[in-house]
Amino acid sequence: MAIDAILLKATDNVATAVQDLQKGQTAVVRLERDISTVIIQENIPYGHKFACRPINSGDNIIKYGEVIGRATAVISAGCHAHVQNIESLRGRGDLRRES
């Protein structure tokens, strides 16, 4: 079975598109040997992320089992998860604890 996106860890809340995905498409998502589907809500370019389940504003974005950022807005399942709705938590001096 051909897949459209991958998850590497069960804790991931975003999937990575392995090809361009079109709005309205039912994407086949693989996590190890498990297969699930997500209806794509907007065009997703190859290599980009989309929410595989609803994500609330302020929730951590988890990809490959690692926190890669924080949602700045609600991201519905099937929606593009990118710079328009995620802020990075890495390399941010403003988040450093004062000694």
PDB file of N, CA and C in Angstrom:
ATOM      1  N   MET A   1       0.834  -1.175   0.000  1.00  0.00           N
ATOM      2  CA  MET A   1       0.000   0.000   0.000  1.00  0.00           C
ATOM      3  C   MET A   1       0.881   1.242   0.000  1.00  0.00           C
ATOM      4  N   ALA A   2       0.613   2.161  -0.874  1.00  0.00           N
ATOM      5  CA  ALA A   2       1.352   3.418  -0.935  1.00  0.00           C
ATOM      6  C   ALA A   2       0.937   4.303   0.231  1.00  0.00           C
ATOM      7  N   ILE A   3       1.916   5.010   0.797  1.00  0.00           N
ATOM      8  CA  ILE A   3       1.609   5.915   1.899  1.00  0.00           C
ATOM      9  C   ILE A   3       1.817   7.355   1.445  1.00  0.00           C
ATOM     10  N   ASP A   4       1.168   8.278   2.160  1.00  0.00           N
ATOM     11  CA  ASP A   4       1.264   9.701   1.849  1.00  0.00           C
ATOM     12  C   ASP A   4       2.065  10.471   2.889  1.00  0.00           C
ATOM     13  N   ALA A   5       2.175   9.894   4.106  1.00  0.00           N
ATOM     14  CA  ALA A   5       2.864  10.583   5.193  1.00  0.00           C
ATOM     15  C   ALA A   5       3.334   9.559   6.216  1.00  0.00           C
ATOM     16  N   ILE A   6       4.290  10.005   7.048  1.00  0.00           N
ATOM     17  CA  ILE A   6       4.830   9.114   8.072  1.00  0.00           C
ATOM     18  C   ILE A   6       4.820   9.780   9.446  1.00  0.00           C
ATOM     19  N   LEU A   7       4.672   8.927  10.434  1.00  0.00           N
ATOM     20  CA  LEU A   7       4.895   9.259  11.841  1.00  0.00           C
ATOM     21  C   LEU A   7       5.986   8.306  12.298  1.00  0.00           C
ATOM     22  N   LEU A   8       6.914   8.772  13.125  1.00  0.00           N
ATOM     23  CA  LEU A   8       7.948   7.868  13.619  1.00  0.00           C
ATOM     24  C   LEU A   8       7.679   7.377  15.024  1.00  0.00           C
ATOM     25  N   LYS A   9       6.934   8.142  15.792  1.00  0.00           N
ATOM     26  CA  LYS A   9       6.640   7.769  17.179  1.00  0.00           C
ATOM     27  C   LYS A   9       5.144   7.933  17.428  1.00  0.00           C
ATOM     28  N   ALA A  10       4.600   7.100  18.302  1.00  0.00           N
ATOM     29  CA  ALA A  10       3.171   7.179  18.632  1.00  0.00           C
ATOM     30  C   ALA A  10       2.817   8.501  19.302  1.00  0.00           C
ATOM     31  N   THR A  11       3.790   9.172  19.904  1.00  0.00           N
ATOM     32  CA  THR A  11       3.538  10.450  20.560  1.00  0.00           C
ATOM     33  C   THR A  11       3.476  11.628  19.589  1.00  0.00           C
ATOM     34  N   ASP A  12       3.919  11.422  18.336  1.00  0.00           N
ATOM     35  CA  ASP A  12       3.912  12.511  17.343  1.00  0.00           C
ATOM     36  C   ASP A  12       2.488  13.021  17.124  1.00  0.00           C
ATOM     37  N   ASN A  13       2.350  14.353  17.055  1.00  0.00           N
ATOM     38  CA  ASN A  13       1.044  14.927  16.713  1.00  0.00           C
ATOM     39  C   ASN A  13       1.054  15.599  15.350  1.00  0.00           C
ATOM     40  N   VAL A  14       2.200  15.529  14.661  1.00  0.00           N
ATOM     41  CA  VAL A  14       2.286  15.974  13.268  1.00  0.00           C
ATOM     42  C   VAL A  14       2.910  14.858  12.443  1.00  0.00           C
ATOM     43  N   ALA A  15       2.438  14.730  11.228  1.00  0.00           N
ATOM     44  CA  ALA A  15       2.975  13.759  10.277  1.00  0.00           C
ATOM     45  C   ALA A  15       3.743  14.516   9.200  1.00  0.00           C
ATOM     46  N   THR A  16       4.674  13.846   8.554  1.00  0.00           N
ATOM     47  CA  THR A  16       5.464  14.440   7.481  1.00  0.00           C
ATOM     48  C   THR A  16       4.995  13.882   6.142  1.00  0.00           C
ATOM     49  N   ALA A  17       4.633  14.781   5.235  1.00  0.00           N
ATOM     50  CA  ALA A  17       4.169  14.381   3.908  1.00  0.00           C
ATOM     51  C   ALA A  17       5.337  13.844   3.096  1.00  0.00           C
ATOM     52  N   VAL A  18       5.157  12.681   2.463  1.00  0.00           N
ATOM     53  CA  VAL A  18       6.204  12.107   1.618  1.00  0.00           C
ATOM     54  C   VAL A  18       5.912  12.356   0.139  1.00  0.00           C
ATOM     55  N   GLN A  19       4.908  13.165  -0.109  1.00  0.00           N
ATOM     56  CA  GLN A  19       4.594  13.660  -1.448  1.00  0.00           C
ATOM     57  C   GLN A  19       3.673  14.858  -1.270  1.00  0.00           C
ATOM     58  N   ASP A  20       3.463  15.645  -2.333  1.00  0.00           N
ATOM     59  CA  ASP A  20       2.518  16.751  -2.253  1.00  0.00           C
ATOM     60  C   ASP A  20       1.123  16.197  -1.964  1.00  0.00           C
ATOM     61  N   LEU A  21       0.407  16.835  -1.032  1.00  0.00           N
ATOM     62  CA  LEU A  21      -0.940  16.411  -0.679  1.00  0.00           C
ATOM     63  C   LEU A  21      -1.922  17.530  -1.013  1.00  0.00           C
ATOM     64  N   GLN A  22      -3.089  17.153  -1.488  1.00  0.00           N
ATOM     65  CA  GLN A  22      -4.080  18.128  -1.937  1.00  0.00           C
ATOM     66  C   GLN A  22      -5.248  18.224  -0.967  1.00  0.00           C
ATOM     67  N   LYS A  23      -5.772  19.423  -0.819  1.00  0.00           N
ATOM     68  CA  LYS A  23      -6.945  19.655   0.026  1.00  0.00           C
ATOM     69  C   LYS A  23      -8.058  18.686  -0.377  1.00  0.00           C
ATOM     70  N   GLY A  24      -8.675  18.053   0.622  1.00  0.00           N
ATOM     71  CA  GLY A  24      -9.758  17.098   0.373  1.00  0.00           C
ATOM     72  C   GLY A  24      -9.302  15.664   0.213  1.00  0.00           C
ATOM     73  N   GLN A  25      -8.019  15.467   0.015  1.00  0.00           N
ATOM     74  CA  GLN A  25      -7.462  14.122  -0.145  1.00  0.00           C
ATOM     75  C   GLN A  25      -7.494  13.376   1.183  1.00  0.00           C
ATOM     76  N   THR A  26      -7.733  12.088   1.127  1.00  0.00           N
ATOM     77  CA  THR A  26      -7.594  11.237   2.307  1.00  0.00           C
ATOM     78  C   THR A  26      -6.170  10.699   2.285  1.00  0.00           C
ATOM     79  N   ALA A  27      -5.354  11.194   3.220  1.00  0.00           N
ATOM     80  CA  ALA A  27      -3.944  10.805   3.263  1.00  0.00           C
ATOM     81  C   ALA A  27      -3.775   9.530   4.074  1.00  0.00           C
ATOM     82  N   VAL A  28      -2.979   8.617   3.552  1.00  0.00           N
ATOM     83  CA  VAL A  28      -2.634   7.379   4.240  1.00  0.00           C
ATOM     84  C   VAL A  28      -1.351   7.646   5.026  1.00  0.00           C
ATOM     85  N   VAL A  29      -1.437   7.456   6.345  1.00  0.00           N
ATOM     86  CA  VAL A  29      -0.330   7.762   7.250  1.00  0.00           C
ATOM     87  C   VAL A  29       0.160   6.466   7.890  1.00  0.00           C
ATOM     88  N   ARG A  30       1.481   6.258   7.868  1.00  0.00           N
ATOM     89  CA  ARG A  30       2.060   5.045   8.445  1.00  0.00           C
ATOM     90  C   ARG A  30       2.838   5.367   9.707  1.00  0.00           C
ATOM     91  N   LEU A  31       2.608   4.560  10.741  1.00  0.00           N
ATOM     92  CA  LEU A  31       3.395   4.555  11.966  1.00  0.00           C
ATOM     93  C   LEU A  31       3.839   3.122  12.154  1.00  0.00           C
ATOM     94  N   GLU A  32       5.110   2.862  11.866  1.00  0.00           N
ATOM     95  CA  GLU A  32       5.645   1.507  11.869  1.00  0.00           C
ATOM     96  C   GLU A  32       4.776   0.629  10.964  1.00  0.00           C
ATOM     97  N   ARG A  33       4.061  -0.366  11.514  1.00  0.00           N
ATOM     98  CA  ARG A  33       3.213  -1.229  10.674  1.00  0.00           C
ATOM     99  C   ARG A  33       1.753  -0.808  10.688  1.00  0.00           C
ATOM    100  N   ASP A  34       1.423   0.190  11.491  1.00  0.00           N
ATOM    101  CA  ASP A  34       0.039   0.664  11.586  1.00  0.00           C
ATOM    102  C   ASP A  34      -0.240   1.717  10.523  1.00  0.00           C
ATOM    103  N   ILE A  35      -1.447   1.659   9.982  1.00  0.00           N
ATOM    104  CA  ILE A  35      -1.893   2.599   8.960  1.00  0.00           C
ATOM    105  C   ILE A  35      -3.132   3.317   9.482  1.00  0.00           C
ATOM    106  N   SER A  36      -3.165   4.635   9.274  1.00  0.00           N
ATOM    107  CA  SER A  36      -4.349   5.421   9.589  1.00  0.00           C
ATOM    108  C   SER A  36      -4.578   6.397   8.440  1.00  0.00           C
ATOM    109  N   THR A  37      -5.674   7.123   8.497  1.00  0.00           N
ATOM    110  CA  THR A  37      -5.951   8.111   7.452  1.00  0.00           C
ATOM    111  C   THR A  37      -6.310   9.449   8.092  1.00  0.00           C
ATOM    112  N   VAL A  38      -6.018  10.516   7.368  1.00  0.00           N
ATOM    113  CA  VAL A  38      -6.351  11.877   7.773  1.00  0.00           C
ATOM    114  C   VAL A  38      -6.858  12.594   6.531  1.00  0.00           C
ATOM    115  N   ILE A  39      -7.975  13.299   6.650  1.00  0.00           N
ATOM    116  CA  ILE A  39      -8.466  14.109   5.531  1.00  0.00           C
ATOM    117  C   ILE A  39      -7.714  15.427   5.546  1.00  0.00           C
ATOM    118  N   ILE A  40      -7.050  15.722   4.435  1.00  0.00           N
ATOM    119  CA  ILE A  40      -6.217  16.917   4.312  1.00  0.00           C
ATOM    120  C   ILE A  40      -7.110  18.146   4.117  1.00  0.00           C
ATOM    121  N   GLN A  41      -6.894  19.175   4.947  1.00  0.00           N
ATOM    122  CA  GLN A  41      -7.740  20.373   4.951  1.00  0.00           C
ATOM    123  C   GLN A  41      -7.197  21.513   4.095  1.00  0.00           C
ATOM    124  N   GLU A  42      -5.930  21.433   3.723  1.00  0.00           N
ATOM    125  CA  GLU A  42      -5.314  22.446   2.855  1.00  0.00           C
ATOM    126  C   GLU A  42      -4.125  21.794   2.168  1.00  0.00           C
ATOM    127  N   ASN A  43      -3.682  22.348   1.063  1.00  0.00           N
ATOM    128  CA  ASN A  43      -2.561  21.752   0.337  1.00  0.00           C
ATOM    129  C   ASN A  43      -1.327  21.698   1.243  1.00  0.00           C
ATOM    130  N   ILE A  44      -0.657  20.560   1.220  1.00  0.00           N
ATOM    131  CA  ILE A  44       0.541  20.334   2.032  1.00  0.00           C
ATOM    132  C   ILE A  44       1.683  19.973   1.085  1.00  0.00           C
ATOM    133  N   PRO A  45       2.739  20.793   1.029  1.00  0.00           N
ATOM    134  CA  PRO A  45       3.876  20.454   0.164  1.00  0.00           C
ATOM    135  C   PRO A  45       4.659  19.253   0.678  1.00  0.00           C
ATOM    136  N   TYR A  46       5.308  18.560  -0.245  1.00  0.00           N
ATOM    137  CA  TYR A  46       6.205  17.449   0.090  1.00  0.00           C
ATOM    138  C   TYR A  46       7.178  17.884   1.181  1.00  0.00           C
ATOM    139  N   GLY A  47       7.354  17.037   2.192  1.00  0.00           N
ATOM    140  CA  GLY A  47       8.311  17.305   3.254  1.00  0.00           C
ATOM    141  C   GLY A  47       7.780  18.163   4.383  1.00  0.00           C
ATOM    142  N   HIS A  48       6.604  18.736   4.208  1.00  0.00           N
ATOM    143  CA  HIS A  48       6.037  19.584   5.257  1.00  0.00           C
ATOM    144  C   HIS A  48       5.202  18.763   6.226  1.00  0.00           C
ATOM    145  N   LYS A  49       4.863  19.379   7.349  1.00  0.00           N
ATOM    146  CA  LYS A  49       4.110  18.723   8.406  1.00  0.00           C
ATOM    147  C   LYS A  49       2.634  19.102   8.337  1.00  0.00           C
ATOM    148  N   PHE A  50       1.802  18.192   8.842  1.00  0.00           N
ATOM    149  CA  PHE A  50       0.396  18.508   9.067  1.00  0.00           C
ATOM    150  C   PHE A  50      -0.045  17.817  10.347  1.00  0.00           C
ATOM    151  N   ALA A  51      -1.057  18.390  10.981  1.00  0.00           N
ATOM    152  CA  ALA A  51      -1.567  17.816  12.219  1.00  0.00           C
ATOM    153  C   ALA A  51      -2.273  16.502  11.910  1.00  0.00           C
ATOM    154  N   CYS A  52      -1.929  15.476  12.673  1.00  0.00           N
ATOM    155  CA  CYS A  52      -2.605  14.189  12.480  1.00  0.00           C
ATOM    156  C   CYS A  52      -3.747  14.026  13.479  1.00  0.00           C
ATOM    157  N   ARG A  53      -3.853  14.968  14.403  1.00  0.00           N
ATOM    158  CA  ARG A  53      -4.991  15.059  15.328  1.00  0.00           C
ATOM    159  C   ARG A  53      -5.071  16.527  15.747  1.00  0.00           C
ATOM    160  N   PRO A  54      -6.181  16.966  16.322  1.00  0.00           N
ATOM    161  CA  PRO A  54      -6.285  18.379  16.708  1.00  0.00           C
ATOM    162  C   PRO A  54      -5.208  18.779  17.715  1.00  0.00           C
ATOM    163  N   ILE A  55      -4.663  19.975  17.516  1.00  0.00           N
ATOM    164  CA  ILE A  55      -3.628  20.526  18.395  1.00  0.00           C
ATOM    165  C   ILE A  55      -4.141  21.882  18.881  1.00  0.00           C
ATOM    166  N   ASN A  56      -4.134  22.088  20.181  1.00  0.00           N
ATOM    167  CA  ASN A  56      -4.581  23.353  20.752  1.00  0.00           C
ATOM    168  C   ASN A  56      -3.458  24.370  20.783  1.00  0.00           C
ATOM    169  N   SER A  57      -3.809  25.643  20.763  1.00  0.00           N
ATOM    170  CA  SER A  57      -2.828  26.708  20.923  1.00  0.00           C
ATOM    171  C   SER A  57      -2.102  26.504  22.243  1.00  0.00           C
ATOM    172  N   GLY A  58      -0.778  26.587  22.209  1.00  0.00           N
ATOM    173  CA  GLY A  58       0.038  26.378  23.398  1.00  0.00           C
ATOM    174  C   GLY A  58       0.534  24.962  23.569  1.00  0.00           C
ATOM    175  N   ASP A  59      -0.032  24.005  22.826  1.00  0.00           N
ATOM    176  CA  ASP A  59       0.433  22.621  22.900  1.00  0.00           C
ATOM    177  C   ASP A  59       1.806  22.481  22.256  1.00  0.00           C
ATOM    178  N   ASN A  60       2.591  21.533  22.756  1.00  0.00           N
ATOM    179  CA  ASN A  60       3.862  21.211  22.121  1.00  0.00           C
ATOM    180  C   ASN A  60       3.605  20.531  20.789  1.00  0.00           C
ATOM    181  N   ILE A  61       4.463  20.826  19.821  1.00  0.00           N
ATOM    182  CA  ILE A  61       4.446  20.134  18.529  1.00  0.00           C
ATOM    183  C   ILE A  61       5.499  19.037  18.634  1.00  0.00           C
ATOM    184  N   ILE A  62       5.062  17.799  18.397  1.00  0.00           N
ATOM    185  CA  ILE A  62       5.950  16.655  18.564  1.00  0.00           C
ATOM    186  C   ILE A  62       6.135  15.951  17.219  1.00  0.00           C
ATOM    187  N   LYS A  63       7.382  15.882  16.798  1.00  0.00           N
ATOM    188  CA  LYS A  63       7.758  15.225  15.534  1.00  0.00           C
ATOM    189  C   LYS A  63       8.951  14.332  15.832  1.00  0.00           C
ATOM    190  N   TYR A  64       8.904  13.092  15.343  1.00  0.00           N
ATOM    191  CA  TYR A  64       9.974  12.119  15.573  1.00  0.00           C
ATOM    192  C   TYR A  64      10.184  11.890  17.071  1.00  0.00           C
ATOM    193  N   GLY A  65       9.119  12.050  17.875  1.00  0.00           N
ATOM    194  CA  GLY A  65       9.201  11.835  19.304  1.00  0.00           C
ATOM    195  C   GLY A  65       9.821  12.984  20.083  1.00  0.00           C
ATOM    196  N   GLU A  66      10.139  14.081  19.422  1.00  0.00           N
ATOM    197  CA  GLU A  66      10.792  15.226  20.054  1.00  0.00           C
ATOM    198  C   GLU A  66       9.915  16.471  19.952  1.00  0.00           C
ATOM    199  N   VAL A  67       9.956  17.308  20.984  1.00  0.00           N
ATOM    200  CA  VAL A  67       9.261  18.592  20.921  1.00  0.00           C
ATOM    201  C   VAL A  67      10.068  19.500  20.006  1.00  0.00           C
ATOM    202  N   ILE A  68       9.420  19.992  18.945  1.00  0.00           N
ATOM    203  CA  ILE A  68      10.109  20.862  17.988  1.00  0.00           C
ATOM    204  C   ILE A  68       9.589  22.290  18.022  1.00  0.00           C
ATOM    205  N   GLY A  69       8.536  22.536  18.803  1.00  0.00           N
ATOM    206  CA  GLY A  69       7.988  23.874  18.889  1.00  0.00           C
ATOM    207  C   GLY A  69       6.694  23.871  19.672  1.00  0.00           C
ATOM    208  N   ARG A  70       5.998  25.020  19.591  1.00  0.00           N
ATOM    209  CA  ARG A  70       4.732  25.190  20.297  1.00  0.00           C
ATOM    210  C   ARG A  70       3.716  25.797  19.336  1.00  0.00           C
ATOM    211  N   ALA A  71       2.494  25.294  19.389  1.00  0.00           N
ATOM    212  CA  ALA A  71       1.427  25.821  18.537  1.00  0.00           C
ATOM    213  C   ALA A  71       1.053  27.225  18.989  1.00  0.00           C
ATOM    214  N   THR A  72       0.973  28.145  18.051  1.00  0.00           N
ATOM    215  CA  THR A  72       0.567  29.519  18.347  1.00  0.00           C
ATOM    216  C   THR A  72      -0.906  29.740  18.028  1.00  0.00           C
ATOM    217  N   ALA A  73      -1.542  28.719  17.499  1.00  0.00           N
ATOM    218  CA  ALA A  73      -2.970  28.766  17.150  1.00  0.00           C
ATOM    219  C   ALA A  73      -3.481  27.328  17.159  1.00  0.00           C
ATOM    220  N   VAL A  74      -4.783  27.178  17.147  1.00  0.00           N
ATOM    221  CA  VAL A  74      -5.368  25.845  17.008  1.00  0.00           C
ATOM    222  C   VAL A  74      -5.011  25.323  15.623  1.00  0.00           C
ATOM    223  N   ILE A  75      -4.577  24.066  15.559  1.00  0.00           N
ATOM    224  CA  ILE A  75      -4.263  23.422  14.280  1.00  0.00           C
ATOM    225  C   ILE A  75      -5.157  22.192  14.188  1.00  0.00           C
ATOM    226  N   SER A  76      -6.118  22.238  13.300  1.00  0.00           N
ATOM    227  CA  SER A  76      -7.052  21.120  13.131  1.00  0.00           C
ATOM    228  C   SER A  76      -6.368  19.961  12.420  1.00  0.00           C
ATOM    229  N   ALA A  77      -6.860  18.753  12.660  1.00  0.00           N
ATOM    230  CA  ALA A  77      -6.331  17.579  11.972  1.00  0.00           C
ATOM    231  C   ALA A  77      -6.401  17.807  10.469  1.00  0.00           C
ATOM    232  N   GLY A  78      -5.307  17.525   9.780  1.00  0.00           N
ATOM    233  CA  GLY A  78      -5.240  17.686   8.333  1.00  0.00           C
ATOM    234  C   GLY A  78      -4.770  19.053   7.875  1.00  0.00           C
ATOM    235  N   CYS A  79      -4.514  19.967   8.823  1.00  0.00           N
ATOM    236  CA  CYS A  79      -4.047  21.311   8.461  1.00  0.00           C
ATOM    237  C   CYS A  79      -2.524  21.402   8.502  1.00  0.00           C
ATOM    238  N   HIS A  80      -1.991  22.257   7.640  1.00  0.00           N
ATOM    239  CA  HIS A  80      -0.566  22.513   7.536  1.00  0.00           C
ATOM    240  C   HIS A  80      -0.044  23.003   8.888  1.00  0.00           C
ATOM    241  N   ALA A  81       1.027  22.432   9.366  1.00  0.00           N
ATOM    242  CA  ALA A  81       1.682  22.843  10.604  1.00  0.00           C
ATOM    243  C   ALA A  81       3.048  23.391  10.214  1.00  0.00           C
ATOM    244  N   HIS A  82       3.175  24.718  10.267  1.00  0.00           N
ATOM    245  CA  HIS A  82       4.388  25.358   9.754  1.00  0.00           C
ATOM    246  C   HIS A  82       4.591  26.679  10.492  1.00  0.00           C
ATOM    247  N   VAL A  83       5.391  27.568   9.953  1.00  0.00           N
ATOM    248  CA  VAL A  83       5.751  28.817  10.634  1.00  0.00           C
ATOM    249  C   VAL A  83       4.546  29.712  10.927  1.00  0.00           C
ATOM    250  N   GLN A  84       3.446  29.545  10.211  1.00  0.00           N
ATOM    251  CA  GLN A  84       2.277  30.387  10.446  1.00  0.00           C
ATOM    252  C   GLN A  84       1.535  30.020  11.727  1.00  0.00           C
ATOM    253  N   ASN A  85       1.808  28.830  12.279  1.00  0.00           N
ATOM    254  CA  ASN A  85       1.096  28.417  13.480  1.00  0.00           C
ATOM    255  C   ASN A  85       1.965  27.658  14.490  1.00  0.00           C
ATOM    256  N   ILE A  86       3.287  27.724  14.308  1.00  0.00           N
ATOM    257  CA  ILE A  86       4.229  27.089  15.238  1.00  0.00           C
ATOM    258  C   ILE A  86       5.363  28.064  15.524  1.00  0.00           C
ATOM    259  N   GLU A  87       5.731  28.155  16.808  1.00  0.00           N
ATOM    260  CA  GLU A  87       6.922  28.924  17.161  1.00  0.00           C
ATOM    261  C   GLU A  87       7.992  27.959  17.643  1.00  0.00           C
ATOM    262  N   SER A  88       9.221  28.250  17.282  1.00  0.00           N
ATOM    263  CA  SER A  88      10.338  27.413  17.699  1.00  0.00           C
ATOM    264  C   SER A  88      10.621  27.637  19.166  1.00  0.00           C
ATOM    265  N   LEU A  89      11.100  26.599  19.826  1.00  0.00           N
ATOM    266  CA  LEU A  89      11.515  26.707  21.223  1.00  0.00           C
ATOM    267  C   LEU A  89      13.016  26.529  21.369  1.00  0.00           C
ATOM    268  N   ARG A  90      13.702  26.358  20.255  1.00  0.00           N
ATOM    269  CA  ARG A  90      15.145  26.105  20.285  1.00  0.00           C
ATOM    270  C   ARG A  90      15.922  27.370  19.935  1.00  0.00           C
ATOM    271  N   GLY A  91      17.023  27.570  20.613  1.00  0.00           N
ATOM    272  CA  GLY A  91      17.900  28.686  20.316  1.00  0.00           C
ATOM    273  C   GLY A  91      17.277  30.031  20.639  1.00  0.00           C
ATOM    274  N   ARG A  92      16.322  30.044  21.569  1.00  0.00           N
ATOM    275  CA  ARG A  92      15.617  31.283  21.914  1.00  0.00           C
ATOM    276  C   ARG A  92      16.179  31.836  23.208  1.00  0.00           C
ATOM    277  N   GLY A  93      16.951  32.888  23.105  1.00  0.00           N
ATOM    278  CA  GLY A  93      17.514  33.525  24.288  1.00  0.00           C
ATOM    279  C   GLY A  93      16.451  34.074  25.217  1.00  0.00           C
ATOM    280  N   ASP A  94      15.294  34.450  24.654  1.00  0.00           N
ATOM    281  CA  ASP A  94      14.228  35.005  25.498  1.00  0.00           C
ATOM    282  C   ASP A  94      13.578  33.950  26.385  1.00  0.00           C
ATOM    283  N   LEU A  95      13.825  32.675  26.124  1.00  0.00           N
ATOM    284  CA  LEU A  95      13.273  31.606  26.947  1.00  0.00           C
ATOM    285  C   LEU A  95      14.275  31.053  27.952  1.00  0.00           C
ATOM    286  N   ARG A  96      15.520  31.569  27.899  1.00  0.00           N
ATOM    287  CA  ARG A  96      16.562  31.108  28.810  1.00  0.00           C
ATOM    288  C   ARG A  96      16.248  31.538  30.233  1.00  0.00           C
ATOM    289  N   ARG A  97      16.501  30.645  31.158  1.00  0.00           N
ATOM    290  CA  ARG A  97      16.319  30.979  32.565  1.00  0.00           C
ATOM    291  C   ARG A  97      17.484  31.860  33.017  1.00  0.00           C
ATOM    292  N   GLU A  98      17.139  32.842  33.812  1.00  0.00           N
ATOM    293  CA  GLU A  98      18.199  33.693  34.349  1.00  0.00           C
ATOM    294  C   GLU A  98      18.895  32.985  35.495  1.00  0.00           C
ATOM    295  N   SER A  99      20.224  33.098  35.551  1.00  0.00           N
ATOM    296  CA  SER A  99      21.006  32.413  36.589  1.00  0.00           C
ATOM    297  C   SER A  99      20.978  33.196  37.883  1.00  0.00           C
TER     298      SER A  99
END
